[in-house]
């Protein structure tokens, strides 16, 4: 039950968020499993819109499975690692910290409604007037709302044999073995 993960180098410098813009969204569509080593960004990040596969983020020692209906908020500077299964498609929206006060200083799940999704995708347009873009960014940021989530802490086993099985189940919960 071992999976070979493709390691991808992650740029740690600032994203290309051109002024007067304060956020940008990138799309990631994966054909193979990928794993990004622990890293930090100088921007706030919202990882959202997961479809087609597993998307796991470890931030501040907590493992998050990012569902399609939510996004994981990562404040600027948060150390995190990402693992995505084959066929996974997701988006990362980066926010310049000086343009928006963080809605949370710790990682956590935020609702990504159909409207917020469409506003974030709408801002992919290159020919949008600056005033329209600024309004859309304010609306998008205003719509970011943390989800009420009950944390369930399940410690990983310490025995290497049990840890092997537990990690395989986390990597592929649908495996019937």
N, C-alpha and C. Protein backbone atom coordinates (compact mmCIF):
# COMPACT_ATOMS: atom_id res chain seq x y z
N UNK A 1 0.82 -1.19 0.00
CA UNK A 1 0.00 0.00 0.00
C UNK A 1 0.86 1.25 0.00
N UNK A 2 1.98 1.20 -0.65
CA UNK A 2 2.81 2.38 -0.70
C UNK A 2 2.54 3.12 -1.99
N UNK A 3 2.56 4.41 -1.90
CA UNK A 3 2.35 5.26 -3.08
C UNK A 3 3.62 6.06 -3.31
N UNK A 4 3.98 6.19 -4.54
CA UNK A 4 5.14 6.99 -4.88
C UNK A 4 4.67 8.41 -5.07
N UNK A 5 5.21 9.32 -4.32
CA UNK A 5 4.81 10.72 -4.41
C UNK A 5 5.84 11.48 -5.23
N UNK A 6 5.35 12.29 -6.13
CA UNK A 6 6.24 13.15 -6.91
C UNK A 6 6.47 14.41 -6.11
N UNK A 7 7.71 14.74 -5.84
CA UNK A 7 8.01 15.95 -5.09
C UNK A 7 8.12 17.11 -6.06
N UNK A 8 7.53 18.21 -5.68
CA UNK A 8 7.52 19.39 -6.54
C UNK A 8 8.14 20.53 -5.75
N UNK A 9 9.06 21.23 -6.36
CA UNK A 9 9.64 22.38 -5.66
C UNK A 9 8.63 23.52 -5.68
N UNK A 10 8.58 24.23 -4.60
CA UNK A 10 7.61 25.32 -4.44
C UNK A 10 8.35 26.63 -4.32
N UNK A 11 8.01 27.60 -5.16
CA UNK A 11 8.65 28.91 -4.99
C UNK A 11 8.21 29.52 -3.67
N UNK A 12 9.15 30.09 -2.94
CA UNK A 12 8.80 30.67 -1.65
C UNK A 12 8.82 32.19 -1.69
N UNK A 13 9.13 32.75 -2.84
CA UNK A 13 9.12 34.20 -2.96
C UNK A 13 7.70 34.72 -3.15
N UNK A 14 7.54 36.03 -3.22
CA UNK A 14 6.21 36.59 -3.38
C UNK A 14 5.56 36.18 -4.70
N UNK A 15 4.26 36.04 -4.65
CA UNK A 15 3.48 35.75 -5.86
C UNK A 15 3.44 37.01 -6.71
N UNK A 16 3.09 36.82 -7.94
CA UNK A 16 2.95 37.94 -8.85
C UNK A 16 1.55 38.53 -8.70
N UNK A 17 1.38 39.37 -7.70
CA UNK A 17 0.10 40.06 -7.49
C UNK A 17 0.35 41.50 -7.86
N UNK A 18 0.01 41.84 -9.07
CA UNK A 18 0.29 43.17 -9.59
C UNK A 18 -0.60 44.23 -8.94
N UNK A 19 0.01 45.36 -8.60
CA UNK A 19 -0.76 46.50 -8.09
C UNK A 19 -1.61 47.03 -9.22
N UNK A 20 -2.82 47.44 -9.02
CA UNK A 20 -3.48 47.66 -7.73
C UNK A 20 -4.17 46.43 -7.18
N UNK A 21 -3.95 45.25 -7.76
CA UNK A 21 -4.63 44.05 -7.30
C UNK A 21 -4.10 43.62 -5.94
N UNK A 22 -4.96 42.94 -5.19
CA UNK A 22 -4.54 42.49 -3.87
C UNK A 22 -4.68 40.98 -3.70
N UNK A 23 -5.14 40.30 -4.75
CA UNK A 23 -5.24 38.85 -4.68
C UNK A 23 -5.10 38.25 -6.07
N UNK A 24 -4.67 37.00 -6.11
CA UNK A 24 -4.58 36.28 -7.36
C UNK A 24 -4.88 34.81 -7.09
N UNK A 25 -5.44 34.14 -8.09
CA UNK A 25 -5.78 32.73 -7.95
C UNK A 25 -5.06 31.93 -9.02
N UNK A 26 -4.50 30.80 -8.60
CA UNK A 26 -3.88 29.88 -9.54
C UNK A 26 -4.63 28.56 -9.48
N UNK A 27 -4.65 27.86 -10.61
CA UNK A 27 -5.32 26.57 -10.72
C UNK A 27 -4.28 25.47 -10.81
N UNK A 28 -4.50 24.40 -10.06
CA UNK A 28 -3.62 23.24 -10.11
C UNK A 28 -4.45 22.02 -10.47
N UNK A 29 -4.11 21.38 -11.57
CA UNK A 29 -4.80 20.17 -12.03
C UNK A 29 -3.73 19.10 -12.17
N UNK A 30 -3.83 18.05 -11.37
CA UNK A 30 -2.76 17.07 -11.28
C UNK A 30 -3.13 15.74 -11.92
N UNK A 31 -2.21 15.20 -12.69
CA UNK A 31 -2.42 13.87 -13.26
C UNK A 31 -1.78 12.79 -12.39
N UNK A 32 -0.82 13.19 -11.57
CA UNK A 32 -0.12 12.26 -10.69
C UNK A 32 -0.19 12.78 -9.26
N UNK A 33 0.05 11.90 -8.32
CA UNK A 33 0.13 12.34 -6.92
C UNK A 33 1.29 13.30 -6.78
N UNK A 34 1.09 14.36 -6.03
CA UNK A 34 2.16 15.33 -5.79
C UNK A 34 2.23 15.66 -4.31
N UNK A 35 3.43 16.02 -3.90
CA UNK A 35 3.66 16.38 -2.51
C UNK A 35 4.59 17.58 -2.47
N UNK A 36 4.16 18.62 -1.77
CA UNK A 36 4.98 19.80 -1.59
C UNK A 36 5.54 19.74 -0.17
N UNK A 37 6.85 19.84 -0.04
CA UNK A 37 7.51 19.80 1.26
C UNK A 37 7.06 21.01 2.09
N UNK A 38 7.25 20.95 3.41
CA UNK A 38 6.86 22.09 4.24
C UNK A 38 7.50 23.38 3.74
N UNK A 39 6.68 24.42 3.67
CA UNK A 39 7.12 25.71 3.15
C UNK A 39 6.21 26.81 3.71
N UNK A 40 6.58 28.05 3.47
CA UNK A 40 5.83 29.23 3.92
C UNK A 40 5.65 30.18 2.74
N UNK A 41 4.62 31.00 2.81
CA UNK A 41 4.39 32.05 1.82
C UNK A 41 4.33 33.40 2.53
N UNK A 42 4.80 34.45 1.90
CA UNK A 42 4.66 35.78 2.52
C UNK A 42 3.23 36.31 2.39
N UNK A 43 2.39 35.64 1.58
CA UNK A 43 1.00 36.06 1.43
C UNK A 43 0.10 35.13 2.24
N UNK A 44 -1.14 35.61 2.51
CA UNK A 44 -2.16 34.72 3.03
C UNK A 44 -2.56 33.82 1.86
N UNK A 45 -3.03 32.61 2.17
CA UNK A 45 -3.41 31.68 1.12
C UNK A 45 -4.72 30.99 1.49
N UNK A 46 -5.58 30.82 0.50
CA UNK A 46 -6.79 30.03 0.64
C UNK A 46 -6.70 28.90 -0.39
N UNK A 47 -6.62 27.65 0.10
CA UNK A 47 -6.61 26.49 -0.77
C UNK A 47 -8.04 25.97 -0.82
N UNK A 48 -8.62 25.89 -2.03
CA UNK A 48 -10.05 25.61 -2.13
C UNK A 48 -10.41 24.90 -3.44
N UNK A 49 -11.67 24.46 -3.51
CA UNK A 49 -12.22 23.93 -4.74
C UNK A 49 -11.74 22.56 -5.12
N UNK A 50 -11.44 21.74 -4.16
CA UNK A 50 -10.92 20.41 -4.42
C UNK A 50 -11.95 19.55 -5.15
N UNK A 51 -11.52 18.94 -6.24
CA UNK A 51 -12.38 17.96 -6.92
C UNK A 51 -11.50 16.88 -7.52
N UNK A 52 -12.07 15.70 -7.64
CA UNK A 52 -11.39 14.62 -8.33
C UNK A 52 -10.42 13.79 -7.52
N UNK A 53 -10.00 14.23 -6.37
CA UNK A 53 -9.04 13.44 -5.61
C UNK A 53 -8.83 13.97 -4.21
N UNK A 54 -7.91 13.35 -3.52
CA UNK A 54 -7.63 13.70 -2.14
C UNK A 54 -6.71 14.92 -2.07
N UNK A 55 -6.99 15.82 -1.13
CA UNK A 55 -6.15 17.00 -0.90
C UNK A 55 -5.94 17.13 0.60
N UNK A 56 -4.70 16.94 1.01
CA UNK A 56 -4.36 16.98 2.44
C UNK A 56 -3.33 18.07 2.67
N UNK A 57 -3.56 18.86 3.72
CA UNK A 57 -2.62 19.91 4.10
C UNK A 57 -2.28 19.71 5.58
N UNK A 58 -1.01 19.73 5.88
CA UNK A 58 -0.57 19.69 7.28
C UNK A 58 -0.06 21.08 7.61
N UNK A 59 -0.71 21.73 8.57
CA UNK A 59 -0.33 23.09 8.99
C UNK A 59 -0.39 23.16 10.50
N UNK A 60 0.64 23.72 11.10
CA UNK A 60 0.72 23.85 12.56
C UNK A 60 0.48 22.52 13.26
N UNK A 61 0.98 21.43 12.67
CA UNK A 61 0.87 20.12 13.30
C UNK A 61 -0.50 19.48 13.17
N UNK A 62 -1.41 20.08 12.43
CA UNK A 62 -2.76 19.54 12.26
C UNK A 62 -2.91 19.11 10.81
N UNK A 63 -3.48 17.92 10.61
CA UNK A 63 -3.73 17.41 9.26
C UNK A 63 -5.16 17.78 8.87
N UNK A 64 -5.29 18.47 7.75
CA UNK A 64 -6.58 18.92 7.23
C UNK A 64 -6.87 18.19 5.93
N UNK A 65 -8.04 17.60 5.80
CA UNK A 65 -8.54 17.09 4.53
C UNK A 65 -9.44 18.20 4.00
N UNK A 66 -9.10 18.77 2.86
CA UNK A 66 -9.84 19.92 2.33
C UNK A 66 -10.99 19.42 1.45
N UNK A 67 -12.24 19.62 1.91
CA UNK A 67 -13.39 19.16 1.14
C UNK A 67 -13.73 20.14 0.01
N UNK A 68 -14.52 19.70 -0.97
CA UNK A 68 -14.86 20.58 -2.10
C UNK A 68 -15.65 21.83 -1.71
N UNK A 69 -16.38 21.77 -0.63
CA UNK A 69 -17.25 22.89 -0.25
C UNK A 69 -16.57 23.91 0.66
N UNK A 70 -15.30 23.73 0.92
CA UNK A 70 -14.60 24.61 1.85
C UNK A 70 -13.20 24.90 1.33
N UNK A 71 -12.55 25.82 2.00
CA UNK A 71 -11.17 26.14 1.70
C UNK A 71 -10.39 26.19 2.99
N UNK A 72 -9.11 25.92 2.91
CA UNK A 72 -8.26 26.02 4.09
C UNK A 72 -7.53 27.35 4.05
N UNK A 73 -7.75 28.18 5.06
CA UNK A 73 -7.10 29.47 5.21
C UNK A 73 -5.75 29.24 5.86
N UNK A 74 -4.71 29.80 5.23
CA UNK A 74 -3.36 29.76 5.80
C UNK A 74 -2.86 31.19 5.90
N UNK A 75 -2.70 31.70 7.12
CA UNK A 75 -2.21 33.07 7.24
C UNK A 75 -0.77 33.18 6.73
N UNK A 76 -0.37 34.36 6.34
CA UNK A 76 0.99 34.60 5.84
C UNK A 76 2.00 34.03 6.83
N UNK A 77 2.98 33.32 6.30
CA UNK A 77 4.04 32.77 7.14
C UNK A 77 3.75 31.43 7.77
N UNK A 78 2.53 30.89 7.60
CA UNK A 78 2.20 29.60 8.22
C UNK A 78 2.96 28.48 7.51
N UNK A 79 3.65 27.67 8.29
CA UNK A 79 4.37 26.53 7.75
C UNK A 79 3.35 25.45 7.39
N UNK A 80 3.40 24.97 6.14
CA UNK A 80 2.45 23.95 5.71
C UNK A 80 3.04 23.07 4.63
N UNK A 81 2.54 21.84 4.56
CA UNK A 81 2.90 20.89 3.52
C UNK A 81 1.61 20.42 2.87
N UNK A 82 1.66 20.14 1.57
CA UNK A 82 0.47 19.77 0.83
C UNK A 82 0.71 18.46 0.11
N UNK A 83 -0.31 17.62 0.10
CA UNK A 83 -0.27 16.35 -0.63
C UNK A 83 -1.58 16.23 -1.39
N UNK A 84 -1.49 15.98 -2.68
CA UNK A 84 -2.69 15.86 -3.52
C UNK A 84 -2.62 14.58 -4.33
N UNK A 85 -3.74 13.87 -4.38
CA UNK A 85 -3.82 12.62 -5.11
C UNK A 85 -3.98 12.83 -6.60
N UNK A 86 -3.79 11.78 -7.37
CA UNK A 86 -3.95 11.89 -8.82
C UNK A 86 -5.37 12.30 -9.19
N UNK A 87 -5.50 13.15 -10.20
CA UNK A 87 -6.80 13.61 -10.64
C UNK A 87 -7.36 14.76 -9.82
N UNK A 88 -6.61 15.23 -8.86
CA UNK A 88 -7.08 16.33 -8.01
C UNK A 88 -6.95 17.66 -8.76
N UNK A 89 -7.99 18.46 -8.66
CA UNK A 89 -7.95 19.83 -9.18
C UNK A 89 -8.33 20.74 -8.03
N UNK A 90 -7.53 21.79 -7.83
CA UNK A 90 -7.85 22.75 -6.77
C UNK A 90 -7.27 24.10 -7.13
N UNK A 91 -7.64 25.08 -6.33
CA UNK A 91 -7.23 26.46 -6.56
C UNK A 91 -6.51 26.97 -5.32
N UNK A 92 -5.58 27.88 -5.54
CA UNK A 92 -4.92 28.59 -4.44
C UNK A 92 -5.10 30.08 -4.72
N UNK A 93 -5.73 30.77 -3.78
CA UNK A 93 -5.87 32.21 -3.90
C UNK A 93 -4.93 32.83 -2.88
N UNK A 94 -4.09 33.73 -3.36
CA UNK A 94 -3.10 34.41 -2.52
C UNK A 94 -3.55 35.85 -2.31
N UNK A 95 -3.40 36.34 -1.07
CA UNK A 95 -3.82 37.69 -0.69
C UNK A 95 -2.61 38.46 -0.16
N UNK A 96 -2.37 39.65 -0.68
CA UNK A 96 -1.30 40.48 -0.13
C UNK A 96 -1.68 40.88 1.29
N UNK A 97 -0.85 40.58 2.28
CA UNK A 97 -1.19 40.89 3.68
C UNK A 97 -1.43 42.37 3.94
N UNK A 98 -0.68 43.24 3.22
CA UNK A 98 -0.86 44.67 3.48
C UNK A 98 -2.16 45.20 2.90
N UNK A 99 -2.82 44.41 2.04
CA UNK A 99 -4.07 44.86 1.42
C UNK A 99 -5.29 44.40 2.22
N UNK A 100 -5.17 43.30 2.94
CA UNK A 100 -6.31 42.75 3.69
C UNK A 100 -5.85 42.26 5.05
N UNK A 101 -6.57 42.62 6.07
CA UNK A 101 -6.30 42.09 7.40
C UNK A 101 -6.76 40.63 7.42
N UNK A 102 -5.94 39.76 7.95
CA UNK A 102 -6.28 38.33 7.95
C UNK A 102 -7.55 38.09 8.75
N UNK A 103 -8.50 37.32 8.18
CA UNK A 103 -9.71 37.00 8.93
C UNK A 103 -9.42 36.03 10.08
N UNK A 104 -8.26 35.39 10.04
CA UNK A 104 -7.85 34.50 11.12
C UNK A 104 -6.33 34.44 11.13
N UNK A 105 -5.76 34.41 12.33
CA UNK A 105 -4.31 34.32 12.47
C UNK A 105 -3.81 32.90 12.54
N UNK A 106 -4.73 31.93 12.44
CA UNK A 106 -4.36 30.52 12.48
C UNK A 106 -5.03 29.79 11.31
N UNK A 107 -4.46 28.68 10.87
CA UNK A 107 -5.11 27.91 9.80
C UNK A 107 -6.49 27.44 10.23
N UNK A 108 -7.39 27.37 9.27
CA UNK A 108 -8.73 26.88 9.57
C UNK A 108 -9.58 26.80 8.31
N UNK A 109 -10.68 26.07 8.42
CA UNK A 109 -11.57 25.91 7.28
C UNK A 109 -12.51 27.11 7.14
N UNK A 110 -12.67 27.54 5.89
CA UNK A 110 -13.56 28.65 5.55
C UNK A 110 -14.54 28.16 4.49
N UNK A 111 -15.76 28.67 4.56
CA UNK A 111 -16.75 28.31 3.56
C UNK A 111 -16.41 28.91 2.21
N UNK A 112 -16.59 28.13 1.16
CA UNK A 112 -16.42 28.63 -0.20
C UNK A 112 -17.76 28.37 -0.90
N UNK A 113 -18.62 29.35 -0.82
CA UNK A 113 -19.94 29.23 -1.44
C UNK A 113 -19.80 29.28 -2.96
N UNK A 114 -20.88 28.93 -3.64
CA UNK A 114 -20.88 29.00 -5.10
C UNK A 114 -20.60 30.43 -5.56
N UNK A 115 -21.14 31.42 -4.83
CA UNK A 115 -20.93 32.82 -5.20
C UNK A 115 -19.46 33.22 -5.03
N UNK A 116 -18.86 32.87 -3.89
CA UNK A 116 -17.45 33.20 -3.67
C UNK A 116 -16.59 32.53 -4.74
N UNK A 117 -16.86 31.29 -5.05
CA UNK A 117 -16.11 30.58 -6.09
C UNK A 117 -16.18 31.34 -7.41
N UNK A 118 -17.37 31.76 -7.79
CA UNK A 118 -17.53 32.47 -9.07
C UNK A 118 -16.84 33.82 -9.06
N UNK A 119 -16.87 34.52 -7.93
CA UNK A 119 -16.18 35.82 -7.85
C UNK A 119 -14.67 35.61 -7.98
N UNK A 120 -14.12 34.61 -7.28
CA UNK A 120 -12.68 34.35 -7.37
C UNK A 120 -12.29 33.96 -8.80
N UNK A 121 -13.11 33.15 -9.45
CA UNK A 121 -12.81 32.76 -10.82
C UNK A 121 -13.03 33.91 -11.80
N UNK A 122 -14.00 34.77 -11.51
CA UNK A 122 -14.28 35.94 -12.35
C UNK A 122 -13.05 36.84 -12.43
N UNK A 123 -12.29 36.89 -11.37
CA UNK A 123 -11.12 37.77 -11.34
C UNK A 123 -9.95 37.24 -12.16
N UNK A 124 -10.12 36.10 -12.83
CA UNK A 124 -9.09 35.63 -13.77
C UNK A 124 -9.06 36.50 -15.02
N UNK A 125 -10.11 37.25 -15.27
CA UNK A 125 -10.17 38.10 -16.46
C UNK A 125 -9.04 39.12 -16.43
N UNK A 126 -8.34 39.25 -17.52
CA UNK A 126 -7.20 40.16 -17.61
C UNK A 126 -7.63 41.58 -17.98
N UNK A 127 -8.75 41.71 -18.66
CA UNK A 127 -9.15 43.03 -19.16
C UNK A 127 -10.16 43.73 -18.26
N UNK A 128 -10.25 43.32 -17.01
CA UNK A 128 -11.20 43.93 -16.08
C UNK A 128 -10.71 45.31 -15.66
N UNK A 129 -11.58 46.33 -15.71
CA UNK A 129 -11.18 47.66 -15.23
C UNK A 129 -10.76 47.60 -13.76
N UNK A 130 -9.79 48.42 -13.38
CA UNK A 130 -9.26 48.41 -12.01
C UNK A 130 -10.36 48.60 -10.97
N UNK A 131 -11.31 49.51 -11.23
CA UNK A 131 -12.38 49.77 -10.25
C UNK A 131 -13.25 48.53 -10.06
N UNK A 132 -13.57 47.84 -11.15
CA UNK A 132 -14.39 46.63 -11.06
C UNK A 132 -13.63 45.53 -10.32
N UNK A 133 -12.35 45.42 -10.61
CA UNK A 133 -11.52 44.41 -9.93
C UNK A 133 -11.46 44.70 -8.43
N UNK A 134 -11.27 45.95 -8.07
CA UNK A 134 -11.19 46.34 -6.66
C UNK A 134 -12.50 46.01 -5.93
N UNK A 135 -13.64 46.28 -6.56
CA UNK A 135 -14.93 45.96 -5.95
C UNK A 135 -15.07 44.44 -5.76
N UNK A 136 -14.72 43.69 -6.80
CA UNK A 136 -14.83 42.22 -6.72
C UNK A 136 -13.93 41.66 -5.62
N UNK A 137 -12.73 42.21 -5.48
CA UNK A 137 -11.83 41.75 -4.42
C UNK A 137 -12.42 42.03 -3.04
N UNK A 138 -13.00 43.21 -2.85
CA UNK A 138 -13.61 43.52 -1.55
C UNK A 138 -14.76 42.58 -1.25
N UNK A 139 -15.59 42.29 -2.26
CA UNK A 139 -16.70 41.36 -2.07
C UNK A 139 -16.17 39.98 -1.71
N UNK A 140 -15.18 39.50 -2.44
CA UNK A 140 -14.61 38.18 -2.17
C UNK A 140 -14.07 38.11 -0.74
N UNK A 141 -13.33 39.13 -0.33
CA UNK A 141 -12.74 39.10 1.00
C UNK A 141 -13.82 39.17 2.07
N UNK A 142 -14.87 39.96 1.83
CA UNK A 142 -15.98 40.07 2.79
C UNK A 142 -16.73 38.74 2.93
N UNK A 143 -16.74 37.94 1.89
CA UNK A 143 -17.48 36.67 1.93
C UNK A 143 -16.72 35.56 2.63
N UNK A 144 -15.45 35.76 2.92
CA UNK A 144 -14.67 34.73 3.62
C UNK A 144 -15.16 34.62 5.07
N UNK A 145 -15.74 33.50 5.40
CA UNK A 145 -16.26 33.27 6.74
C UNK A 145 -15.75 31.93 7.27
N UNK A 146 -15.18 31.93 8.49
CA UNK A 146 -14.71 30.66 9.03
C UNK A 146 -15.89 29.71 9.29
N UNK A 147 -15.63 28.43 9.12
CA UNK A 147 -16.64 27.41 9.41
C UNK A 147 -16.52 26.98 10.86
N UNK A 148 -17.64 26.68 11.45
CA UNK A 148 -17.65 26.11 12.80
C UNK A 148 -17.32 24.63 12.64
N UNK A 149 -16.15 24.23 13.09
CA UNK A 149 -15.71 22.86 12.93
C UNK A 149 -15.34 22.30 14.28
N UNK A 150 -15.86 21.12 14.57
CA UNK A 150 -15.46 20.43 15.79
C UNK A 150 -14.21 19.63 15.48
N UNK A 151 -13.14 19.95 16.16
CA UNK A 151 -11.88 19.25 15.93
C UNK A 151 -11.95 17.85 16.53
N UNK A 152 -11.49 16.90 15.78
CA UNK A 152 -11.40 15.53 16.24
C UNK A 152 -9.92 15.16 16.21
N UNK A 153 -9.37 15.00 17.38
CA UNK A 153 -7.95 14.66 17.45
C UNK A 153 -7.80 13.15 17.58
N UNK A 154 -7.18 12.56 16.59
CA UNK A 154 -6.90 11.13 16.59
C UNK A 154 -5.40 10.98 16.45
N UNK A 155 -4.75 10.58 17.52
CA UNK A 155 -3.29 10.45 17.45
C UNK A 155 -2.89 9.30 16.53
N UNK A 156 -1.78 9.49 15.84
CA UNK A 156 -1.23 8.43 15.00
C UNK A 156 -0.54 7.42 15.91
N UNK A 157 -0.60 6.14 15.55
CA UNK A 157 0.06 5.12 16.38
C UNK A 157 1.57 5.31 16.39
N UNK A 158 2.20 4.81 17.41
CA UNK A 158 3.66 4.91 17.53
C UNK A 158 4.36 3.64 17.05
N UNK A 159 3.65 2.51 17.08
CA UNK A 159 4.23 1.26 16.58
C UNK A 159 4.40 1.39 15.07
N UNK A 160 5.60 1.13 14.54
CA UNK A 160 5.86 1.31 13.10
C UNK A 160 4.91 0.51 12.21
N UNK A 161 4.51 -0.69 12.64
CA UNK A 161 3.60 -1.50 11.81
C UNK A 161 2.22 -0.85 11.75
N UNK A 162 1.72 -0.41 12.87
CA UNK A 162 0.41 0.23 12.90
C UNK A 162 0.46 1.60 12.21
N UNK A 163 1.58 2.30 12.36
CA UNK A 163 1.74 3.60 11.71
C UNK A 163 1.70 3.45 10.20
N UNK A 164 2.31 2.39 9.67
CA UNK A 164 2.30 2.11 8.23
C UNK A 164 0.86 1.97 7.73
N UNK A 165 0.05 1.21 8.45
CA UNK A 165 -1.35 0.99 8.07
C UNK A 165 -2.14 2.29 8.20
N UNK A 166 -1.94 3.02 9.29
CA UNK A 166 -2.67 4.28 9.50
C UNK A 166 -2.35 5.29 8.41
N UNK A 167 -1.08 5.41 8.04
CA UNK A 167 -0.71 6.36 6.99
C UNK A 167 -1.31 5.95 5.64
N UNK A 168 -1.37 4.65 5.39
CA UNK A 168 -1.99 4.16 4.14
C UNK A 168 -3.48 4.48 4.13
N UNK A 169 -4.14 4.36 5.27
CA UNK A 169 -5.57 4.70 5.33
C UNK A 169 -5.81 6.19 5.17
N UNK A 170 -4.96 7.00 5.72
CA UNK A 170 -5.09 8.45 5.55
C UNK A 170 -4.87 8.81 4.08
N UNK A 171 -3.90 8.16 3.43
CA UNK A 171 -3.61 8.44 2.03
C UNK A 171 -4.73 7.99 1.10
N UNK A 172 -5.42 6.88 1.49
CA UNK A 172 -6.49 6.38 0.63
C UNK A 172 -7.59 5.76 1.49
N UNK A 173 -8.49 6.59 2.04
CA UNK A 173 -9.54 6.07 2.92
C UNK A 173 -10.49 5.08 2.24
N UNK A 174 -10.55 5.09 0.91
CA UNK A 174 -11.46 4.19 0.20
C UNK A 174 -10.89 2.79 0.03
N UNK A 175 -9.63 2.58 0.38
CA UNK A 175 -9.01 1.26 0.23
C UNK A 175 -9.72 0.27 1.15
N UNK A 176 -10.27 -0.77 0.57
CA UNK A 176 -11.06 -1.75 1.34
C UNK A 176 -10.21 -2.82 2.02
N UNK A 177 -8.89 -2.82 1.78
CA UNK A 177 -8.06 -3.86 2.42
C UNK A 177 -8.04 -3.67 3.90
